[in-house]
Amino acid sequence: MIHNYDFMEALYCFCMDYHSSQWSRGYRILSRLSKRLKLSPLFKGYESLGDEGKSFYDSFVEKYANKI
């Protein structure tokens, strides 16, 4: 079962790590997600993701790292 919040956190981390510039699609996605997510001040990116979130993140890297 997909947990929407885990997916969005993983996508946020991926876009944060891999966007190519302020004008890229990845940066636009990152901006939209930052308005929807309520991340803790203690959030540290990938290391803060749960197992499912890390799985999503790893899939994003494998499929989209050079495309965002």
PDB file of N, CA and C in Angstrom:
ATOM      1  N   MET A   1       0.844  -1.187   0.000  1.00  0.00           N
ATOM      2  CA  MET A   1       0.000   0.000   0.000  1.00  0.00           C
ATOM      3  C   MET A   1       0.891   1.253   0.000  1.00  0.00           C
ATOM      4  N   ILE A   2       0.613   2.169  -0.864  1.00  0.00           N
ATOM      5  CA  ILE A   2       1.387   3.408  -0.947  1.00  0.00           C
ATOM      6  C   ILE A   2       0.891   4.394   0.107  1.00  0.00           C
ATOM      7  N   HIS A   3       1.805   4.887   0.890  1.00  0.00           N
ATOM      8  CA  HIS A   3       1.485   5.932   1.852  1.00  0.00           C
ATOM      9  C   HIS A   3       1.855   7.260   1.215  1.00  0.00           C
ATOM     10  N   ASN A   4       0.867   8.053   0.954  1.00  0.00           N
ATOM     11  CA  ASN A   4       1.035   9.292   0.217  1.00  0.00           C
ATOM     12  C   ASN A   4       2.095  10.200   0.830  1.00  0.00           C
ATOM     13  N   TYR A   5       2.129  10.299   2.153  1.00  0.00           N
ATOM     14  CA  TYR A   5       3.095  11.202   2.784  1.00  0.00           C
ATOM     15  C   TYR A   5       4.520  10.696   2.580  1.00  0.00           C
ATOM     16  N   ASP A   6       4.728   9.380   2.680  1.00  0.00           N
ATOM     17  CA  ASP A   6       6.056   8.806   2.426  1.00  0.00           C
ATOM     18  C   ASP A   6       6.499   9.102   0.999  1.00  0.00           C
ATOM     19  N   PHE A   7       5.576   8.969   0.061  1.00  0.00           N
ATOM     20  CA  PHE A   7       5.860   9.243  -1.347  1.00  0.00           C
ATOM     21  C   PHE A   7       6.254  10.709  -1.528  1.00  0.00           C
ATOM     22  N   MET A   8       5.481  11.608  -0.944  1.00  0.00           N
ATOM     23  CA  MET A   8       5.761  13.039  -1.108  1.00  0.00           C
ATOM     24  C   MET A   8       7.073  13.438  -0.435  1.00  0.00           C
ATOM     25  N   GLU A   9       7.367  12.880   0.737  1.00  0.00           N
ATOM     26  CA  GLU A   9       8.646  13.173   1.390  1.00  0.00           C
ATOM     27  C   GLU A   9       9.817  12.694   0.538  1.00  0.00           C
ATOM     28  N   ALA A  10       9.673  11.493  -0.027  1.00  0.00           N
ATOM     29  CA  ALA A  10      10.738  10.945  -0.869  1.00  0.00           C
ATOM     30  C   ALA A  10      10.918  11.793  -2.128  1.00  0.00           C
ATOM     31  N   LEU A  11       9.823  12.213  -2.725  1.00  0.00           N
ATOM     32  CA  LEU A  11       9.897  13.056  -3.919  1.00  0.00           C
ATOM     33  C   LEU A  11      10.533  14.406  -3.579  1.00  0.00           C
ATOM     34  N   TYR A  12      10.189  14.962  -2.441  1.00  0.00           N
ATOM     35  CA  TYR A  12      10.784  16.217  -1.985  1.00  0.00           C
ATOM     36  C   TYR A  12      12.304  16.075  -1.861  1.00  0.00           C
ATOM     37  N   CYS A  13      12.741  15.009  -1.189  1.00  0.00           N
ATOM     38  CA  CYS A  13      14.182  14.774  -1.009  1.00  0.00           C
ATOM     39  C   CYS A  13      14.875  14.582  -2.354  1.00  0.00           C
ATOM     40  N   PHE A  14      14.249  13.817  -3.229  1.00  0.00           N
ATOM     41  CA  PHE A  14      14.820  13.585  -4.552  1.00  0.00           C
ATOM     42  C   PHE A  14      14.975  14.893  -5.314  1.00  0.00           C
ATOM     43  N   CYS A  15      13.927  15.698  -5.340  1.00  0.00           N
ATOM     44  CA  CYS A  15      13.995  16.974  -6.060  1.00  0.00           C
ATOM     45  C   CYS A  15      15.020  17.909  -5.428  1.00  0.00           C
ATOM     46  N   MET A  16      15.124  17.876  -4.110  1.00  0.00           N
ATOM     47  CA  MET A  16      16.100  18.704  -3.414  1.00  0.00           C
ATOM     48  C   MET A  16      17.524  18.291  -3.828  1.00  0.00           C
ATOM     49  N   ASP A  17      17.756  17.013  -3.958  1.00  0.00           N
ATOM     50  CA  ASP A  17      19.090  16.507  -4.280  1.00  0.00           C
ATOM     51  C   ASP A  17      19.428  16.565  -5.767  1.00  0.00           C
ATOM     52  N   TYR A  18      18.430  16.493  -6.652  1.00  0.00           N
ATOM     53  CA  TYR A  18      18.711  16.309  -8.072  1.00  0.00           C
ATOM     54  C   TYR A  18      18.197  17.400  -9.008  1.00  0.00           C
ATOM     55  N   HIS A  19      17.502  18.423  -8.511  1.00  0.00           N
ATOM     56  CA  HIS A  19      17.050  19.457  -9.462  1.00  0.00           C
ATOM     57  C   HIS A  19      18.266  20.119 -10.098  1.00  0.00           C
ATOM     58  N   SER A  20      18.112  20.519 -11.339  1.00  0.00           N
ATOM     59  CA  SER A  20      19.269  21.016 -12.081  1.00  0.00           C
ATOM     60  C   SER A  20      19.442  22.539 -12.010  1.00  0.00           C
ATOM     61  N   SER A  21      18.404  23.247 -11.641  1.00  0.00           N
ATOM     62  CA  SER A  21      18.517  24.698 -11.489  1.00  0.00           C
ATOM     63  C   SER A  21      17.199  25.248 -10.953  1.00  0.00           C
ATOM     64  N   GLN A  22      17.210  26.510 -10.645  1.00  0.00           N
ATOM     65  CA  GLN A  22      16.002  27.171 -10.158  1.00  0.00           C
ATOM     66  C   GLN A  22      14.891  27.138 -11.206  1.00  0.00           C
ATOM     67  N   TRP A  23      15.222  26.975 -12.459  1.00  0.00           N
ATOM     68  CA  TRP A  23      14.231  27.006 -13.536  1.00  0.00           C
ATOM     69  C   TRP A  23      13.850  25.604 -14.016  1.00  0.00           C
ATOM     70  N   SER A  24      14.312  24.582 -13.329  1.00  0.00           N
ATOM     71  CA  SER A  24      14.054  23.204 -13.759  1.00  0.00           C
ATOM     72  C   SER A  24      12.699  22.689 -13.277  1.00  0.00           C
ATOM     73  N   ARG A  25      12.274  21.612 -13.904  1.00  0.00           N
ATOM     74  CA  ARG A  25      11.036  20.937 -13.503  1.00  0.00           C
ATOM     75  C   ARG A  25      11.164  20.443 -12.063  1.00  0.00           C
ATOM     76  N   GLY A  26      12.324  19.907 -11.700  1.00  0.00           N
ATOM     77  CA  GLY A  26      12.543  19.422 -10.341  1.00  0.00           C
ATOM     78  C   GLY A  26      12.375  20.514  -9.300  1.00  0.00           C
ATOM     79  N   TYR A  27      12.827  21.709  -9.606  1.00  0.00           N
ATOM     80  CA  TYR A  27      12.692  22.830  -8.676  1.00  0.00           C
ATOM     81  C   TYR A  27      11.231  23.253  -8.548  1.00  0.00           C
ATOM     82  N   ARG A  28      10.491  23.219  -9.645  1.00  0.00           N
ATOM     83  CA  ARG A  28       9.056  23.548  -9.593  1.00  0.00           C
ATOM     84  C   ARG A  28       8.311  22.542  -8.716  1.00  0.00           C
ATOM     85  N   ILE A  29       8.635  21.251  -8.874  1.00  0.00           N
ATOM     86  CA  ILE A  29       8.006  20.214  -8.044  1.00  0.00           C
ATOM     87  C   ILE A  29       8.375  20.440  -6.583  1.00  0.00           C
ATOM     88  N   LEU A  30       9.628  20.714  -6.316  1.00  0.00           N
ATOM     89  CA  LEU A  30      10.106  20.972  -4.962  1.00  0.00           C
ATOM     90  C   LEU A  30       9.338  22.136  -4.323  1.00  0.00           C
ATOM     91  N   SER A  31       9.135  23.192  -5.077  1.00  0.00           N
ATOM     92  CA  SER A  31       8.409  24.367  -4.568  1.00  0.00           C
ATOM     93  C   SER A  31       6.972  24.017  -4.216  1.00  0.00           C
ATOM     94  N   ARG A  32       6.318  23.247  -5.073  1.00  0.00           N
ATOM     95  CA  ARG A  32       4.928  22.855  -4.793  1.00  0.00           C
ATOM     96  C   ARG A  32       4.844  21.959  -3.569  1.00  0.00           C
ATOM     97  N   LEU A  33       5.763  21.016  -3.469  1.00  0.00           N
ATOM     98  CA  LEU A  33       5.747  20.104  -2.328  1.00  0.00           C
ATOM     99  C   LEU A  33       6.031  20.829  -1.016  1.00  0.00           C
ATOM    100  N   SER A  34       6.899  21.817  -1.054  1.00  0.00           N
ATOM    101  CA  SER A  34       7.244  22.531   0.177  1.00  0.00           C
ATOM    102  C   SER A  34       6.029  23.259   0.747  1.00  0.00           C
ATOM    103  N   LYS A  35       5.063  23.596  -0.090  1.00  0.00           N
ATOM    104  CA  LYS A  35       3.836  24.242   0.374  1.00  0.00           C
ATOM    105  C   LYS A  35       2.880  23.234   1.013  1.00  0.00           C
ATOM    106  N   ARG A  36       2.960  21.963   0.593  1.00  0.00           N
ATOM    107  CA  ARG A  36       2.037  20.931   1.077  1.00  0.00           C
ATOM    108  C   ARG A  36       2.559  20.150   2.277  1.00  0.00           C
ATOM    109  N   LEU A  37       3.862  19.971   2.350  1.00  0.00           N
ATOM    110  CA  LEU A  37       4.439  19.154   3.413  1.00  0.00           C
ATOM    111  C   LEU A  37       4.691  19.989   4.662  1.00  0.00           C
ATOM    112  N   LYS A  38       4.492  19.385   5.788  1.00  0.00           N
ATOM    113  CA  LYS A  38       4.807  20.018   7.075  1.00  0.00           C
ATOM    114  C   LYS A  38       5.996  19.257   7.653  1.00  0.00           C
ATOM    115  N   LEU A  39       7.185  19.580   7.176  1.00  0.00           N
ATOM    116  CA  LEU A  39       8.379  18.874   7.605  1.00  0.00           C
ATOM    117  C   LEU A  39       8.876  19.410   8.945  1.00  0.00           C
ATOM    118  N   SER A  40       9.326  18.504   9.772  1.00  0.00           N
ATOM    119  CA  SER A  40       9.896  18.865  11.068  1.00  0.00           C
ATOM    120  C   SER A  40      11.194  19.638  10.857  1.00  0.00           C
ATOM    121  N   PRO A  41      11.504  20.562  11.747  1.00  0.00           N
ATOM    122  CA  PRO A  41      12.803  21.236  11.657  1.00  0.00           C
ATOM    123  C   PRO A  41      13.969  20.254  11.795  1.00  0.00           C
ATOM    124  N   LEU A  42      13.705  19.076  12.337  1.00  0.00           N
ATOM    125  CA  LEU A  42      14.735  18.050  12.491  1.00  0.00           C
ATOM    126  C   LEU A  42      14.870  17.165  11.258  1.00  0.00           C
ATOM    127  N   PHE A  43      14.053  17.415  10.236  1.00  0.00           N
ATOM    128  CA  PHE A  43      14.098  16.617   9.011  1.00  0.00           C
ATOM    129  C   PHE A  43      15.452  16.808   8.328  1.00  0.00           C
ATOM    130  N   LYS A  44      16.122  15.681   8.019  1.00  0.00           N
ATOM    131  CA  LYS A  44      17.468  15.740   7.449  1.00  0.00           C
ATOM    132  C   LYS A  44      17.551  15.070   6.089  1.00  0.00           C
ATOM    133  N   GLY A  45      16.489  15.135   5.324  1.00  0.00           N
ATOM    134  CA  GLY A  45      16.527  14.555   3.989  1.00  0.00           C
ATOM    135  C   GLY A  45      16.437  13.044   4.020  1.00  0.00           C
ATOM    136  N   TYR A  46      17.225  12.410   3.178  1.00  0.00           N
ATOM    137  CA  TYR A  46      17.158  10.962   2.980  1.00  0.00           C
ATOM    138  C   TYR A  46      17.235  10.190   4.288  1.00  0.00           C
ATOM    139  N   GLU A  47      18.113  10.573   5.174  1.00  0.00           N
ATOM    140  CA  GLU A  47      18.281   9.817   6.419  1.00  0.00           C
ATOM    141  C   GLU A  47      17.052   9.902   7.322  1.00  0.00           C
ATOM    142  N   SER A  48      16.170  10.860   7.097  1.00  0.00           N
ATOM    143  CA  SER A  48      14.949  10.978   7.892  1.00  0.00           C
ATOM    144  C   SER A  48      13.793  10.165   7.318  1.00  0.00           C
ATOM    145  N   LEU A  49      13.950   9.654   6.097  1.00  0.00           N
ATOM    146  CA  LEU A  49      12.885   8.865   5.477  1.00  0.00           C
ATOM    147  C   LEU A  49      12.770   7.501   6.138  1.00  0.00           C
ATOM    148  N   GLY A  50      11.548   6.970   6.154  1.00  0.00           N
ATOM    149  CA  GLY A  50      11.332   5.600   6.611  1.00  0.00           C
ATOM    150  C   GLY A  50      11.724   4.628   5.498  1.00  0.00           C
ATOM    151  N   ASP A  51      11.559   3.356   5.749  1.00  0.00           N
ATOM    152  CA  ASP A  51      11.947   2.332   4.767  1.00  0.00           C
ATOM    153  C   ASP A  51      11.205   2.500   3.449  1.00  0.00           C
ATOM    154  N   GLU A  52       9.898   2.748   3.521  1.00  0.00           N
ATOM    155  CA  GLU A  52       9.120   2.917   2.292  1.00  0.00           C
ATOM    156  C   GLU A  52       9.544   4.180   1.546  1.00  0.00           C
ATOM    157  N   GLY A  53       9.794   5.254   2.276  1.00  0.00           N
ATOM    158  CA  GLY A  53      10.252   6.494   1.665  1.00  0.00           C
ATOM    159  C   GLY A  53      11.598   6.320   0.981  1.00  0.00           C
ATOM    160  N   LYS A  54      12.504   5.591   1.625  1.00  0.00           N
ATOM    161  CA  LYS A  54      13.814   5.335   1.017  1.00  0.00           C
ATOM    162  C   LYS A  54      13.679   4.489  -0.242  1.00  0.00           C
ATOM    163  N   SER A  55      12.743   3.575  -0.233  1.00  0.00           N
ATOM    164  CA  SER A  55      12.494   2.755  -1.426  1.00  0.00           C
ATOM    165  C   SER A  55      11.992   3.629  -2.580  1.00  0.00           C
ATOM    166  N   PHE A  56      11.060   4.533  -2.285  1.00  0.00           N
ATOM    167  CA  PHE A  56      10.582   5.470  -3.304  1.00  0.00           C
ATOM    168  C   PHE A  56      11.738   6.321  -3.828  1.00  0.00           C
ATOM    169  N   TYR A  57      12.520   6.879  -2.918  1.00  0.00           N
ATOM    170  CA  TYR A  57      13.642   7.736  -3.289  1.00  0.00           C
ATOM    171  C   TYR A  57      14.607   6.995  -4.209  1.00  0.00           C
ATOM    172  N   ASP A  58      14.973   5.786  -3.822  1.00  0.00           N
ATOM    173  CA  ASP A  58      15.903   4.994  -4.627  1.00  0.00           C
ATOM    174  C   ASP A  58      15.341   4.724  -6.017  1.00  0.00           C
ATOM    175  N   SER A  59      14.035   4.495  -6.115  1.00  0.00           N
ATOM    176  CA  SER A  59      13.396   4.298  -7.421  1.00  0.00           C
ATOM    177  C   SER A  59      13.456   5.574  -8.256  1.00  0.00           C
ATOM    178  N   PHE A  60      13.215   6.711  -7.608  1.00  0.00           N
ATOM    179  CA  PHE A  60      13.305   7.990  -8.331  1.00  0.00           C
ATOM    180  C   PHE A  60      14.711   8.202  -8.881  1.00  0.00           C
ATOM    181  N   VAL A  61      15.706   7.920  -8.069  1.00  0.00           N
ATOM    182  CA  VAL A  61      17.099   8.093  -8.499  1.00  0.00           C
ATOM    183  C   VAL A  61      17.389   7.195  -9.693  1.00  0.00           C
ATOM    184  N   GLU A  62      16.974   5.959  -9.609  1.00  0.00           N
ATOM    185  CA  GLU A  62      17.235   4.994 -10.682  1.00  0.00           C
ATOM    186  C   GLU A  62      16.574   5.413 -11.996  1.00  0.00           C
ATOM    187  N   LYS A  63      15.356   5.932 -11.908  1.00  0.00           N
ATOM    188  CA  LYS A  63      14.597   6.236 -13.133  1.00  0.00           C
ATOM    189  C   LYS A  63      14.748   7.663 -13.635  1.00  0.00           C
ATOM    190  N   TYR A  64      14.949   8.626 -12.728  1.00  0.00           N
ATOM    191  CA  TYR A  64      14.825  10.031 -13.133  1.00  0.00           C
ATOM    192  C   TYR A  64      16.006  10.933 -12.799  1.00  0.00           C
ATOM    193  N   ALA A  65      17.089  10.401 -12.272  1.00  0.00           N
ATOM    194  CA  ALA A  65      18.194  11.240 -11.804  1.00  0.00           C
ATOM    195  C   ALA A  65      18.733  12.181 -12.884  1.00  0.00           C
ATOM    196  N   ASN A  66      18.772  11.748 -14.114  1.00  0.00           N
ATOM    197  CA  ASN A  66      19.306  12.600 -15.186  1.00  0.00           C
ATOM    198  C   ASN A  66      18.222  13.324 -15.974  1.00  0.00           C
ATOM    199  N   LYS A  67      16.995  13.270 -15.482  1.00  0.00           N
ATOM    200  CA  LYS A  67      15.879  13.831 -16.248  1.00  0.00           C
ATOM    201  C   LYS A  67      15.153  14.968 -15.534  1.00  0.00           C
ATOM    202  N   ILE A  68      15.601  15.349 -14.401  1.00  0.00           N
ATOM    203  CA  ILE A  68      14.872  16.361 -13.644  1.00  0.00           C
ATOM    204  C   ILE A  68      15.715  17.612 -13.526  1.00  0.00           C
TER     205      ILE A  68
END
